[in-house]
């Protein structure tokens, strides 16, 4: 065991004996539990509210369809009927070939799948792509004692 390792172990022992950390962990866990309870209650209420809004929105859509309107002005606000179009594919290989053939790279999202790239780099540590930025940071996780 190197001297640095011994120093780290000594620091960890000091931390365990630090009563203020014991108290802070207790408070932290209490706050986290309260946050989770509050989030769960809000999620239930939010779902109910969204369901009510969806029911009213369906009525608005039907009314716009009946009278052939794109929007309806009221004294409290304007109902606007919009068209939302989404695109997807069930044949990625053909879609990639089409994108490549027509040089339509701008139709794809410019983001990196974090887990897949991390896995690739772990398996191929010498094949790092040019222009790749890597930022690592420390974070804290607190586990409740069982």
C-alpha atoms as a PDB file:
ATOM      1  CA  UNK A   1       0.000   0.000   0.000  1.00  0.00           C
ATOM      2  CA  UNK A   2       1.415   3.387  -0.991  1.00  0.00           C
ATOM      3  CA  UNK A   3       1.601   6.400   1.323  1.00  0.00           C
ATOM      4  CA  UNK A   4      -1.082   8.217  -0.671  1.00  0.00           C
ATOM      5  CA  UNK A   5      -3.486   5.268  -0.216  1.00  0.00           C
ATOM      6  CA  UNK A   6      -2.891   5.324   3.556  1.00  0.00           C
ATOM      7  CA  UNK A   7      -3.594   9.059   3.658  1.00  0.00           C
ATOM      8  CA  UNK A   8      -6.881   8.563   1.783  1.00  0.00           C
ATOM      9  CA  UNK A   9      -7.939   5.820   4.213  1.00  0.00           C
ATOM     10  CA  UNK A  10      -7.088   8.078   7.157  1.00  0.00           C
ATOM     11  CA  UNK A  11      -9.193  10.881   5.633  1.00  0.00           C
ATOM     12  CA  UNK A  12     -12.122   8.482   5.161  1.00  0.00           C
ATOM     13  CA  UNK A  13     -11.901   7.393   8.814  1.00  0.00           C
ATOM     14  CA  UNK A  14     -11.928  11.046   9.894  1.00  0.00           C
ATOM     15  CA  UNK A  15     -15.022  11.653   7.786  1.00  0.00           C
ATOM     16  CA  UNK A  16     -16.864   8.728   9.382  1.00  0.00           C
ATOM     17  CA  UNK A  17     -16.087  10.048  12.847  1.00  0.00           C
ATOM     18  CA  UNK A  18     -17.255  13.571  11.921  1.00  0.00           C
ATOM     19  CA  UNK A  19     -20.641  13.937  13.675  1.00  0.00           C
ATOM     20  CA  UNK A  20     -21.617  16.885  11.530  1.00  0.00           C
ATOM     21  CA  UNK A  21     -21.507  14.590   8.495  1.00  0.00           C
ATOM     22  CA  UNK A  22     -23.745  12.092  10.309  1.00  0.00           C
ATOM     23  CA  UNK A  23     -26.266  14.854  10.954  1.00  0.00           C
ATOM     24  CA  UNK A  24     -25.982  16.213   7.429  1.00  0.00           C
ATOM     25  CA  UNK A  25     -26.586  12.785   5.878  1.00  0.00           C
ATOM     26  CA  UNK A  26     -29.662  12.368   8.103  1.00  0.00           C
ATOM     27  CA  UNK A  27     -30.997  15.775   6.998  1.00  0.00           C
ATOM     28  CA  UNK A  28     -30.119  15.085   3.365  1.00  0.00           C
ATOM     29  CA  UNK A  29     -32.047  11.801   3.365  1.00  0.00           C
ATOM     30  CA  UNK A  30     -35.025  13.466   5.056  1.00  0.00           C
ATOM     31  CA  UNK A  31     -35.076  16.234   2.444  1.00  0.00           C
ATOM     32  CA  UNK A  32     -34.716  13.728  -0.408  1.00  0.00           C
ATOM     33  CA  UNK A  33     -37.615  11.632   0.930  1.00  0.00           C
ATOM     34  CA  UNK A  34     -39.778  14.739   1.283  1.00  0.00           C
ATOM     35  CA  UNK A  35     -38.913  15.751  -2.286  1.00  0.00           C
ATOM     36  CA  UNK A  36     -39.858  12.301  -3.607  1.00  0.00           C
ATOM     37  CA  UNK A  37     -43.181  12.359  -1.735  1.00  0.00           C
ATOM     38  CA  UNK A  38     -43.920  15.856  -3.034  1.00  0.00           C
ATOM     39  CA  UNK A  39     -43.021  14.835  -6.592  1.00  0.00           C
ATOM     40  CA  UNK A  40     -45.291  11.771  -6.392  1.00  0.00           C
ATOM     41  CA  UNK A  41     -48.228  13.858  -5.132  1.00  0.00           C
ATOM     42  CA  UNK A  42     -47.634  16.447  -7.826  1.00  0.00           C
ATOM     43  CA  UNK A  43     -47.386  13.780 -10.532  1.00  0.00           C
ATOM     44  CA  UNK A  44     -50.803  12.439  -9.546  1.00  0.00           C
ATOM     45  CA  UNK A  45     -52.358  15.900  -9.538  1.00  0.00           C
ATOM     46  CA  UNK A  46     -50.613  16.827 -12.782  1.00  0.00           C
ATOM     47  CA  UNK A  47     -51.955  13.719 -14.532  1.00  0.00           C
ATOM     48  CA  UNK A  48     -55.498  14.582 -13.475  1.00  0.00           C
ATOM     49  CA  UNK A  49     -55.158  18.189 -14.620  1.00  0.00           C
ATOM     50  CA  UNK A  50     -53.662  17.162 -17.975  1.00  0.00           C
ATOM     51  CA  UNK A  51     -56.521  14.707 -18.493  1.00  0.00           C
ATOM     52  CA  UNK A  52     -59.049  17.501 -17.891  1.00  0.00           C
ATOM     53  CA  UNK A  53     -57.226  19.789 -20.310  1.00  0.00           C
ATOM     54  CA  UNK A  54     -57.073  17.053 -22.965  1.00  0.00           C
ATOM     55  CA  UNK A  55     -60.839  16.595 -22.710  1.00  0.00           C
ATOM     56  CA  UNK A  56     -61.393  20.308 -23.281  1.00  0.00           C
ATOM     57  CA  UNK A  57     -58.826  20.376 -26.113  1.00  0.00           C
ATOM     58  CA  UNK A  58     -60.716  17.541 -27.855  1.00  0.00           C
ATOM     59  CA  UNK A  59     -63.874  19.651 -27.647  1.00  0.00           C
ATOM     60  CA  UNK A  60     -61.989  22.632 -29.124  1.00  0.00           C
ATOM     61  CA  UNK A  61     -60.687  20.461 -32.001  1.00  0.00           C
ATOM     62  CA  UNK A  62     -64.182  19.182 -32.758  1.00  0.00           C
ATOM     63  CA  UNK A  63     -65.619  22.701 -32.690  1.00  0.00           C
ATOM     64  CA  UNK A  64     -62.884  24.016 -35.035  1.00  0.00           C
ATOM     65  CA  UNK A  65     -63.538  21.095 -37.381  1.00  0.00           C
ATOM     66  CA  UNK A  66     -67.316  21.692 -37.335  1.00  0.00           C
ATOM     67  CA  UNK A  67     -67.041  25.333 -38.340  1.00  0.00           C
ATOM     68  CA  UNK A  68     -63.879  24.945 -40.470  1.00  0.00           C
ATOM     69  CA  UNK A  69     -61.864  27.382 -38.376  1.00  0.00           C
ATOM     70  CA  UNK A  70     -58.102  27.574 -37.876  1.00  0.00           C
ATOM     71  CA  UNK A  71     -58.660  29.733 -34.811  1.00  0.00           C
ATOM     72  CA  UNK A  72     -61.533  30.978 -32.681  1.00  0.00           C
ATOM     73  CA  UNK A  73     -61.259  34.229 -30.740  1.00  0.00           C
ATOM     74  CA  UNK A  74     -63.013  34.527 -27.397  1.00  0.00           C
ATOM     75  CA  UNK A  75     -62.913  37.312 -24.814  1.00  0.00           C
ATOM     76  CA  UNK A  76     -60.660  35.121 -22.620  1.00  0.00           C
ATOM     77  CA  UNK A  77     -58.242  33.874 -25.278  1.00  0.00           C
ATOM     78  CA  UNK A  78     -57.832  32.483 -28.774  1.00  0.00           C
ATOM     79  CA  UNK A  79     -58.141  28.796 -29.650  1.00  0.00           C
ATOM     80  CA  UNK A  80     -55.628  27.956 -32.359  1.00  0.00           C
ATOM     81  CA  UNK A  81     -55.909  24.734 -34.356  1.00  0.00           C
ATOM     82  CA  UNK A  82     -52.476  23.602 -35.531  1.00  0.00           C
ATOM     83  CA  UNK A  83     -51.181  20.674 -37.527  1.00  0.00           C
ATOM     84  CA  UNK A  84     -48.331  18.749 -35.928  1.00  0.00           C
ATOM     85  CA  UNK A  85     -46.423  16.405 -38.224  1.00  0.00           C
ATOM     86  CA  UNK A  86     -43.834  13.906 -37.009  1.00  0.00           C
ATOM     87  CA  UNK A  87     -41.590  11.648 -39.040  1.00  0.00           C
ATOM     88  CA  UNK A  88     -40.123   8.265 -38.151  1.00  0.00           C
ATOM     89  CA  UNK A  89     -38.753   5.211 -39.875  1.00  0.00           C
ATOM     90  CA  UNK A  90     -38.927   1.482 -39.317  1.00  0.00           C
ATOM     91  CA  UNK A  91     -36.054   0.827 -41.742  1.00  0.00           C
ATOM     92  CA  UNK A  92     -33.004   2.715 -40.461  1.00  0.00           C
ATOM     93  CA  UNK A  93     -30.580   1.111 -42.890  1.00  0.00           C
ATOM     94  CA  UNK A  94     -32.555   2.299 -45.927  1.00  0.00           C
ATOM     95  CA  UNK A  95     -33.100   5.679 -44.300  1.00  0.00           C
ATOM     96  CA  UNK A  96     -29.350   6.127 -43.652  1.00  0.00           C
ATOM     97  CA  UNK A  97     -28.626   5.162 -47.257  1.00  0.00           C
ATOM     98  CA  UNK A  98     -31.164   7.743 -48.466  1.00  0.00           C
ATOM     99  CA  UNK A  99     -29.640  10.409 -46.196  1.00  0.00           C
ATOM    100  CA  UNK A 100     -26.154   9.590 -47.482  1.00  0.00           C
ATOM    101  CA  UNK A 101     -27.239   9.451 -51.131  1.00  0.00           C
ATOM    102  CA  UNK A 102     -28.861  12.894 -50.970  1.00  0.00           C
ATOM    103  CA  UNK A 103     -26.403  14.393 -48.444  1.00  0.00           C
ATOM    104  CA  UNK A 104     -29.309  15.228 -46.087  1.00  0.00           C
ATOM    105  CA  UNK A 105     -27.304  15.032 -42.861  1.00  0.00           C
ATOM    106  CA  UNK A 106     -29.050  18.146 -41.533  1.00  0.00           C
ATOM    107  CA  UNK A 107     -32.263  16.147 -41.013  1.00  0.00           C
ATOM    108  CA  UNK A 108     -30.618  14.158 -38.234  1.00  0.00           C
ATOM    109  CA  UNK A 109     -30.165  15.353 -34.640  1.00  0.00           C
ATOM    110  CA  UNK A 110     -26.646  16.444 -33.842  1.00  0.00           C
ATOM    111  CA  UNK A 111     -26.157  14.705 -30.555  1.00  0.00           C
ATOM    112  CA  UNK A 112     -24.178  11.784 -29.257  1.00  0.00           C
ATOM    113  CA  UNK A 113     -25.727   8.755 -27.582  1.00  0.00           C
ATOM    114  CA  UNK A 114     -23.743   8.912 -24.346  1.00  0.00           C
ATOM    115  CA  UNK A 115     -23.913   5.261 -23.273  1.00  0.00           C
ATOM    116  CA  UNK A 116     -23.183   3.855 -26.728  1.00  0.00           C
ATOM    117  CA  UNK A 117     -20.177   6.126 -27.244  1.00  0.00           C
ATOM    118  CA  UNK A 118     -18.811   5.405 -23.748  1.00  0.00           C
ATOM    119  CA  UNK A 119     -19.121   1.665 -24.463  1.00  0.00           C
ATOM    120  CA  UNK A 120     -17.390   2.073 -27.847  1.00  0.00           C
ATOM    121  CA  UNK A 121     -14.534   4.097 -26.323  1.00  0.00           C
ATOM    122  CA  UNK A 122     -14.076   1.545 -23.527  1.00  0.00           C
ATOM    123  CA  UNK A 123     -13.804  -1.214 -26.130  1.00  0.00           C
ATOM    124  CA  UNK A 124     -11.620   0.866 -28.512  1.00  0.00           C
ATOM    125  CA  UNK A 125      -9.601   3.276 -26.329  1.00  0.00           C
ATOM    126  CA  UNK A 126      -7.192   4.184 -29.155  1.00  0.00           C
ATOM    127  CA  UNK A 127      -9.941   5.146 -31.622  1.00  0.00           C
ATOM    128  CA  UNK A 128     -11.065   8.506 -30.216  1.00  0.00           C
ATOM    129  CA  UNK A 129     -12.926  10.613 -32.808  1.00  0.00           C
ATOM    130  CA  UNK A 130     -11.371  13.926 -33.829  1.00  0.00           C
ATOM    131  CA  UNK A 131     -13.183  16.870 -32.257  1.00  0.00           C
ATOM    132  CA  UNK A 132     -14.635  14.876 -29.375  1.00  0.00           C
ATOM    133  CA  UNK A 133     -14.948  16.871 -26.159  1.00  0.00           C
ATOM    134  CA  UNK A 134     -14.963  14.885 -22.938  1.00  0.00           C
ATOM    135  CA  UNK A 135     -16.023  16.495 -19.673  1.00  0.00           C
ATOM    136  CA  UNK A 136     -16.037  14.481 -16.462  1.00  0.00           C
ATOM    137  CA  UNK A 137     -17.113  15.729 -13.070  1.00  0.00           C
ATOM    138  CA  UNK A 138     -17.636  14.371  -9.610  1.00  0.00           C
ATOM    139  CA  UNK A 139     -21.062  14.107  -8.060  1.00  0.00           C
ATOM    140  CA  UNK A 140     -22.421  12.816  -4.793  1.00  0.00           C
ATOM    141  CA  UNK A 141     -24.799   9.950  -4.189  1.00  0.00           C
ATOM    142  CA  UNK A 142     -26.171   9.208  -0.726  1.00  0.00           C
ATOM    143  CA  UNK A 143     -27.512   5.750   0.054  1.00  0.00           C
ATOM    144  CA  UNK A 144     -29.684   5.052   3.022  1.00  0.00           C
ATOM    145  CA  UNK A 145     -28.247   2.542   5.506  1.00  0.00           C
ATOM    146  CA  UNK A 146     -30.189  -0.710   5.363  1.00  0.00           C
END
